[in-house]
Protein backbone atom coordinates (compact mmCIF):
# COMPACT_ATOMS: atom_id res chain seq x y z
CA MET A 1 11.97 -8.40 -20.63
CA GLU A 2 10.23 -10.96 -18.48
CA TYR A 3 7.45 -9.68 -16.27
CA TYR A 4 5.47 -11.16 -13.40
CA ILE A 5 2.01 -10.10 -12.25
CA VAL A 6 1.60 -10.71 -8.54
CA ASN A 7 -1.40 -10.05 -6.30
CA SER A 8 -0.15 -8.73 -2.97
CA PHE A 9 -1.90 -9.08 0.40
CA SER A 10 -3.63 -12.36 -0.41
CA ASN A 11 -2.80 -16.01 -0.97
CA ASN A 12 -5.98 -16.54 -3.01
CA LYS A 13 -5.98 -16.11 -6.76
CA PHE A 14 -8.04 -13.16 -8.07
CA HIS A 15 -7.86 -11.49 -4.65
CA GLY A 16 -5.31 -8.98 -3.37
CA ASN A 17 -3.80 -6.03 -5.23
CA PRO A 18 -2.11 -6.72 -8.60
CA ALA A 19 1.29 -5.28 -9.48
CA ALA A 20 3.69 -5.97 -12.32
CA VAL A 21 7.28 -6.85 -11.38
CA ILE A 22 10.24 -6.62 -13.76
CA VAL A 23 13.71 -7.69 -12.58
CA LEU A 24 16.62 -6.17 -14.53
CA ASP A 25 20.39 -6.20 -14.31
CA GLU A 26 20.24 -2.39 -14.37
CA PHE A 27 17.50 0.20 -14.79
CA THR A 28 16.63 1.10 -18.34
CA ASP A 29 15.56 4.47 -19.77
CA VAL A 30 12.99 6.25 -17.57
CA GLN A 31 10.62 6.90 -20.46
CA LEU A 32 10.75 3.23 -21.40
CA MET A 33 9.88 2.19 -17.84
CA GLN A 34 7.01 4.69 -17.90
CA ASN A 35 5.77 3.30 -21.23
CA ILE A 36 5.93 -0.27 -19.92
CA SER A 37 3.89 0.72 -16.87
CA LYS A 38 1.31 2.36 -19.13
CA GLN A 39 1.19 -0.82 -21.21
CA MET A 40 0.71 -2.97 -18.09
CA ASN A 41 -2.11 -0.64 -17.00
CA LEU A 42 -2.04 -1.77 -13.37
CA VAL A 43 -2.03 0.48 -10.32
CA GLU A 44 1.76 0.19 -10.24
CA THR A 45 4.68 -1.55 -11.94
CA VAL A 46 7.94 -2.02 -10.02
CA PHE A 47 11.37 -2.37 -11.60
CA VAL A 48 14.00 -4.15 -9.51
CA THR A 49 17.79 -4.36 -9.82
CA PRO A 50 20.05 -6.35 -7.47
CA CYS A 51 22.89 -4.51 -5.72
CA LYS A 52 26.36 -5.89 -5.12
CA SER A 53 25.58 -6.56 -1.47
CA LYS A 54 23.62 -9.72 -0.73
CA ASN A 55 19.90 -9.21 -0.04
CA GLU A 56 20.02 -5.57 -1.22
CA PHE A 57 17.96 -4.22 -4.13
CA ASP A 58 17.06 -0.95 -5.82
CA MET A 59 13.39 -0.47 -6.70
CA ARG A 60 11.58 2.11 -8.83
CA TYR A 61 7.82 2.41 -9.01
CA PHE A 62 5.61 3.69 -11.83
CA THR A 63 1.89 4.20 -12.20
CA PRO A 64 0.62 4.39 -15.80
CA GLU A 65 0.98 8.18 -15.48
CA GLU A 66 4.05 8.91 -13.33
CA GLU A 67 6.90 7.64 -11.19
CA LEU A 68 6.37 7.31 -7.44
CA VAL A 69 9.11 7.61 -4.84
CA ILE A 70 7.83 4.62 -2.85
CA ALA A 71 4.96 2.11 -2.97
CA GLY A 72 3.86 -0.69 -0.66
CA HIS A 73 2.03 -3.44 -2.50
CA PRO A 74 4.52 -3.53 -5.44
CA THR A 75 7.33 -3.98 -2.89
CA ILE A 76 5.51 -6.99 -1.42
CA ALA A 77 5.03 -8.34 -4.97
CA ALA A 78 8.70 -7.79 -5.82
CA LEU A 79 9.87 -9.55 -2.67
CA SER A 80 7.79 -12.60 -3.57
CA VAL A 81 9.31 -12.71 -7.08
CA LEU A 82 12.85 -12.28 -5.75
CA PHE A 83 12.20 -15.13 -3.32
CA LYS A 84 10.83 -17.31 -6.12
CA LEU A 85 13.93 -16.59 -8.22
CA SER A 86 16.22 -17.41 -5.26
CA HIS A 87 17.64 -13.87 -5.24
CA ILE A 88 17.10 -13.45 -1.50
CA ASP A 89 18.06 -15.46 1.54
CA PRO A 90 15.05 -15.52 3.92
CA SER A 91 17.38 -16.08 6.89
CA PHE A 92 18.53 -12.45 6.76
CA ASP A 93 17.05 -8.98 6.55
CA ILE A 94 16.61 -7.44 3.11
CA THR A 95 17.55 -3.86 2.20
CA ILE A 96 15.49 -1.96 -0.38
CA ASN A 97 16.66 1.36 -1.82
CA THR A 98 13.82 3.55 -3.07
CA LYS A 99 13.92 7.13 -4.33
CA LYS A 100 12.32 8.16 -1.04
CA GLN A 101 14.39 6.24 1.50
CA LYS A 102 16.12 3.02 2.42
CA ILE A 103 13.76 0.44 3.94
CA SER A 104 14.33 -2.96 5.43
CA ALA A 105 12.27 -6.06 4.74
CA ARG A 106 11.95 -9.66 5.85
CA VAL A 107 10.43 -12.90 4.62
CA LYS A 108 8.59 -15.10 7.12
CA GLN A 109 8.84 -18.38 5.27
CA ASP A 110 6.32 -21.23 5.42
CA LYS A 111 8.32 -24.23 4.26
CA GLU A 112 5.17 -26.30 3.71
CA ASN A 113 3.42 -23.84 1.39
CA SER A 114 5.09 -20.81 -0.17
CA LEU A 115 1.68 -19.15 -0.66
CA ASN A 116 1.63 -18.70 3.12
CA ASN A 117 4.93 -16.80 3.14
CA ILE A 118 4.54 -13.34 4.64
CA TYR A 119 6.62 -10.51 3.17
CA TYR A 120 7.18 -7.64 5.61
CA ILE A 121 8.53 -4.14 5.09
CA ASN A 122 9.53 -1.72 7.84
CA VAL A 123 8.31 1.86 7.44
CA ASP A 124 10.26 3.90 9.97
CA LYS A 125 10.36 7.54 8.83
CA ILE A 126 6.73 8.53 9.37
CA THR A 127 5.79 12.14 10.11
CA HIS A 128 2.59 13.59 11.59
CA ASP A 129 1.20 16.93 10.43
CA PRO A 130 0.07 18.90 13.52
CA GLN A 131 -2.94 20.46 11.77
CA THR A 132 -6.36 18.82 11.96
CA CYS A 133 -8.32 18.66 8.71
CA LYS A 134 -11.76 20.27 8.66
CA ILE A 135 -14.54 17.71 8.83
CA ASP A 136 -16.93 19.63 6.55
CA LEU A 137 -14.38 19.93 3.74
CA VAL A 138 -13.34 16.28 3.99
CA ALA A 139 -16.94 15.03 4.16
CA ASP A 140 -17.89 17.02 1.06
CA ALA A 141 -14.88 15.75 -0.91
CA LEU A 142 -15.88 12.15 -0.12
CA GLY A 143 -19.62 12.54 -0.69
CA LEU A 144 -20.32 11.85 2.99
CA LEU A 145 -22.34 13.56 5.70
CA GLN A 146 -20.41 14.98 8.62
CA GLU A 147 -22.34 12.51 10.79
CA ASP A 148 -20.66 9.64 8.88
CA ILE A 149 -17.26 10.71 10.22
CA SER A 150 -16.23 9.94 13.80
CA SER A 151 -16.31 12.86 16.22
CA ASP A 152 -14.11 10.96 18.69
CA LEU A 153 -11.01 10.81 16.49
CA PRO A 154 -9.30 13.60 14.49
CA ILE A 155 -8.77 13.75 10.72
CA LYS A 156 -5.01 13.95 10.28
CA VAL A 157 -2.37 13.92 7.55
CA ILE A 158 0.23 11.23 8.10
CA ASP A 159 3.21 10.92 5.75
CA SER A 160 4.62 7.40 5.53
CA GLY A 161 6.10 8.08 2.12
CA LEU A 162 3.30 9.54 -0.01
CA GLY A 163 1.10 11.54 2.38
CA HIS A 164 -2.37 10.34 3.40
CA ILE A 165 -5.37 12.05 4.95
CA ILE A 166 -6.57 9.57 7.56
CA VAL A 167 -10.35 9.70 7.97
CA PRO A 168 -12.13 7.72 10.75
CA VAL A 169 -15.73 6.84 9.86
CA ASN A 170 -18.43 5.47 12.12
CA SER A 171 -19.38 2.25 10.36
CA ILE A 172 -18.85 -0.08 7.43
CA ASP A 173 -21.97 1.40 5.84
CA SER A 174 -20.48 4.91 6.01
CA LEU A 175 -17.19 3.60 4.66
CA PHE A 176 -18.86 2.05 1.64
CA LYS A 177 -20.83 5.26 0.96
CA ALA A 178 -17.67 7.27 0.28
CA LYS A 179 -17.25 8.28 -3.36
CA ARG A 180 -14.27 8.94 -5.62
CA LYS A 181 -15.04 12.52 -6.63
CA ILE A 182 -11.88 13.23 -8.63
CA LYS A 183 -11.99 17.04 -8.71
CA GLU A 184 -12.92 17.40 -5.04
CA LEU A 185 -10.35 14.81 -3.94
CA LYS A 186 -7.58 16.60 -5.83
CA SER A 187 -8.60 19.85 -4.19
CA ILE A 188 -8.66 18.47 -0.63
CA CYS A 189 -5.34 16.66 -1.12
CA GLU A 190 -3.70 19.82 -2.47
CA LEU A 191 -5.12 21.84 0.41
CA TYR A 192 -3.60 19.57 3.05
CA GLY A 193 -0.42 18.58 1.22
CA ALA A 194 -1.38 14.91 0.82
CA ARG A 195 -1.63 12.54 -2.11
CA GLU A 196 -4.46 10.20 -1.11
CA VAL A 197 -7.19 9.58 1.47
CA GLN A 198 -7.22 6.52 3.71
CA LEU A 199 -10.59 5.92 5.39
CA PHE A 200 -11.14 3.33 8.08
CA ALA A 201 -13.87 1.90 10.30
CA LEU A 202 -13.42 0.00 13.55
CA GLU A 203 -15.88 -2.55 12.19
CA THR A 204 -15.03 -5.53 10.03
CA ILE A 205 -16.77 -7.91 7.69
CA GLU A 206 -14.82 -10.93 8.91
CA ASN A 207 -14.48 -11.69 12.62
CA ASP A 208 -10.77 -12.51 12.45
CA ASN A 209 -9.92 -8.96 11.36
CA ASP A 210 -9.65 -5.69 13.28
CA ILE A 211 -10.23 -2.80 10.87
CA HIS A 212 -11.79 -2.21 7.46
CA THR A 213 -10.19 0.42 5.28
CA ARG A 214 -10.39 2.03 1.84
CA ASN A 215 -7.81 3.94 -0.14
CA ILE A 216 -9.54 6.68 -2.12
CA CYS A 217 -7.32 8.83 -4.30
CA PRO A 218 -7.70 11.34 -7.13
CA ARG A 219 -5.90 9.05 -9.58
CA MET A 220 -7.99 7.87 -12.50
CA GLY A 221 -8.85 4.16 -12.76
CA MET A 222 -9.87 1.46 -10.33
CA GLU A 223 -9.82 2.02 -6.60
CA ASP A 224 -6.68 0.55 -5.04
CA PRO A 225 -7.67 -2.79 -3.42
CA ALA A 226 -4.85 -2.69 -0.84
CA CYS A 227 -2.45 0.15 -0.13
CA GLY A 228 0.68 -0.72 1.83
CA ILE A 229 1.88 2.86 2.34
CA GLY A 230 -1.64 4.12 3.14
CA ASN A 231 -2.08 1.43 5.77
CA SER A 232 1.37 2.24 7.18
CA ALA A 233 0.11 5.79 7.70
CA LEU A 234 -3.07 4.40 9.27
CA LEU A 235 -1.08 2.28 11.74
CA ALA A 236 0.98 5.31 12.78
CA TYR A 237 -2.29 7.23 13.26
CA LEU A 238 -3.74 4.44 15.40
CA SER A 239 -0.60 4.41 17.51
CA LYS A 240 -0.94 8.11 18.29
CA TYR A 241 -4.71 8.61 18.52
CA HIS A 242 -6.45 5.30 19.15
CA HIS A 243 -4.07 3.54 21.58
CA GLY A 244 -5.53 0.16 20.83
CA LYS A 245 -3.70 -2.95 19.74
CA LYS A 246 -0.14 -3.31 18.52
CA VAL A 247 -0.89 -5.97 15.89
CA TYR A 248 -3.70 -5.64 13.34
CA ASN A 249 -5.34 -7.59 10.54
CA ILE A 250 -6.69 -4.98 8.15
CA GLU A 251 -9.38 -5.69 5.53
CA GLN A 252 -9.40 -3.82 2.25
CA GLY A 253 -10.57 -4.31 -1.33
CA TYR A 254 -13.91 -5.91 -0.48
CA ILE A 255 -15.80 -3.11 -2.20
CA ASN A 256 -14.29 -4.02 -5.59
CA ASN A 257 -14.10 -7.80 -5.06
CA PHE A 258 -10.31 -7.92 -4.57
CA LYS A 259 -10.38 -9.02 -0.95
CA SER A 260 -7.08 -8.22 0.74
CA ILE A 261 -5.65 -8.73 4.22
CA ILE A 262 -2.83 -6.45 5.33
CA LYS A 263 -0.89 -7.54 8.41
CA GLY A 264 0.29 -4.59 10.47
CA GLU A 265 2.43 -4.16 13.55
CA ILE A 266 2.97 -0.91 15.44
CA ILE A 267 6.42 -0.26 16.88
CA ASN A 268 5.74 3.40 17.76
CA ASP A 269 4.13 6.55 16.31
CA ASN A 270 6.83 6.81 13.63
CA PHE A 271 7.71 3.17 12.96
CA VAL A 272 5.37 0.43 11.75
CA ARG A 273 5.69 -2.91 10.00
CA ILE A 274 3.39 -3.88 7.14
CA GLY A 275 3.14 -7.23 5.39
CA GLY A 276 1.11 -9.87 3.67
CA ASN A 277 1.02 -12.87 1.40
CA ALA A 278 1.46 -12.77 -2.36
CA VAL A 279 0.20 -14.96 -5.19
CA LEU A 280 1.70 -15.17 -8.69
CA MET A 281 -1.00 -14.64 -11.31
CA ALA A 282 0.89 -14.38 -14.61
CA LYS A 283 4.32 -14.47 -16.17
CA GLY A 284 5.27 -13.35 -19.64
CA THR A 285 7.56 -11.40 -21.94
CA ILE A 286 7.15 -7.81 -23.01
CA TYR A 287 8.85 -6.83 -26.27
CA VAL A 288 10.47 -3.40 -26.30
């Protein structure tokens, strides 16, 4: 099988969030796909098969430990590979079938430089949990003081496919203080029926951007440099509770030197658009 390693949410090499992409005529054995993902040892590996309809694809996502029903940055990576292989027509919308839901996508093509192409996905089945998470429990799970977390905005669980606890913090400094305490994070996520925590600050490192965010989850390994589904949940949260802009440039990954820029657009509380550039880093063959 041929594989591609693509860094999503950047057009600069060694930045963005890496994912492995494997395009097949049909999906292979589930255990084999899981083993390949473990071998790749990236945050996620996506397997893609074309459907009979033009611009329609099935995608399945695996971490080294388990299959996910949906994932953002591997979808961006897969779209860039499909475009490179001439499997998609950028003039039309793209349909992606995941185990979670059907999503639509689009390529905004830059005919002068393909590295500047922007690959967008629409996330339009977002739900908001009415409960508000307790600030003391969340602060403890993240190794923060309660004073580090904003008292003006609530801590909420937003489900844009995986379930994220959205935590507003007061500053970049507070954001960077947060720790990945695996046991405590698992406990808080189980308590509130979420998978991961998405923190954000309304401060940025670079002036052209609007928000800085981190995806902190109980999963073992490196912190995710850019989370498409987590930032989809964040955009839906901002739509409902912050009432700010409709279009955002979101910084992520600076803490682990994988600088990423996620482009977000809010349609409404339950429908957002997420996108970014993608850069091919490696291509090879895996022998199975």
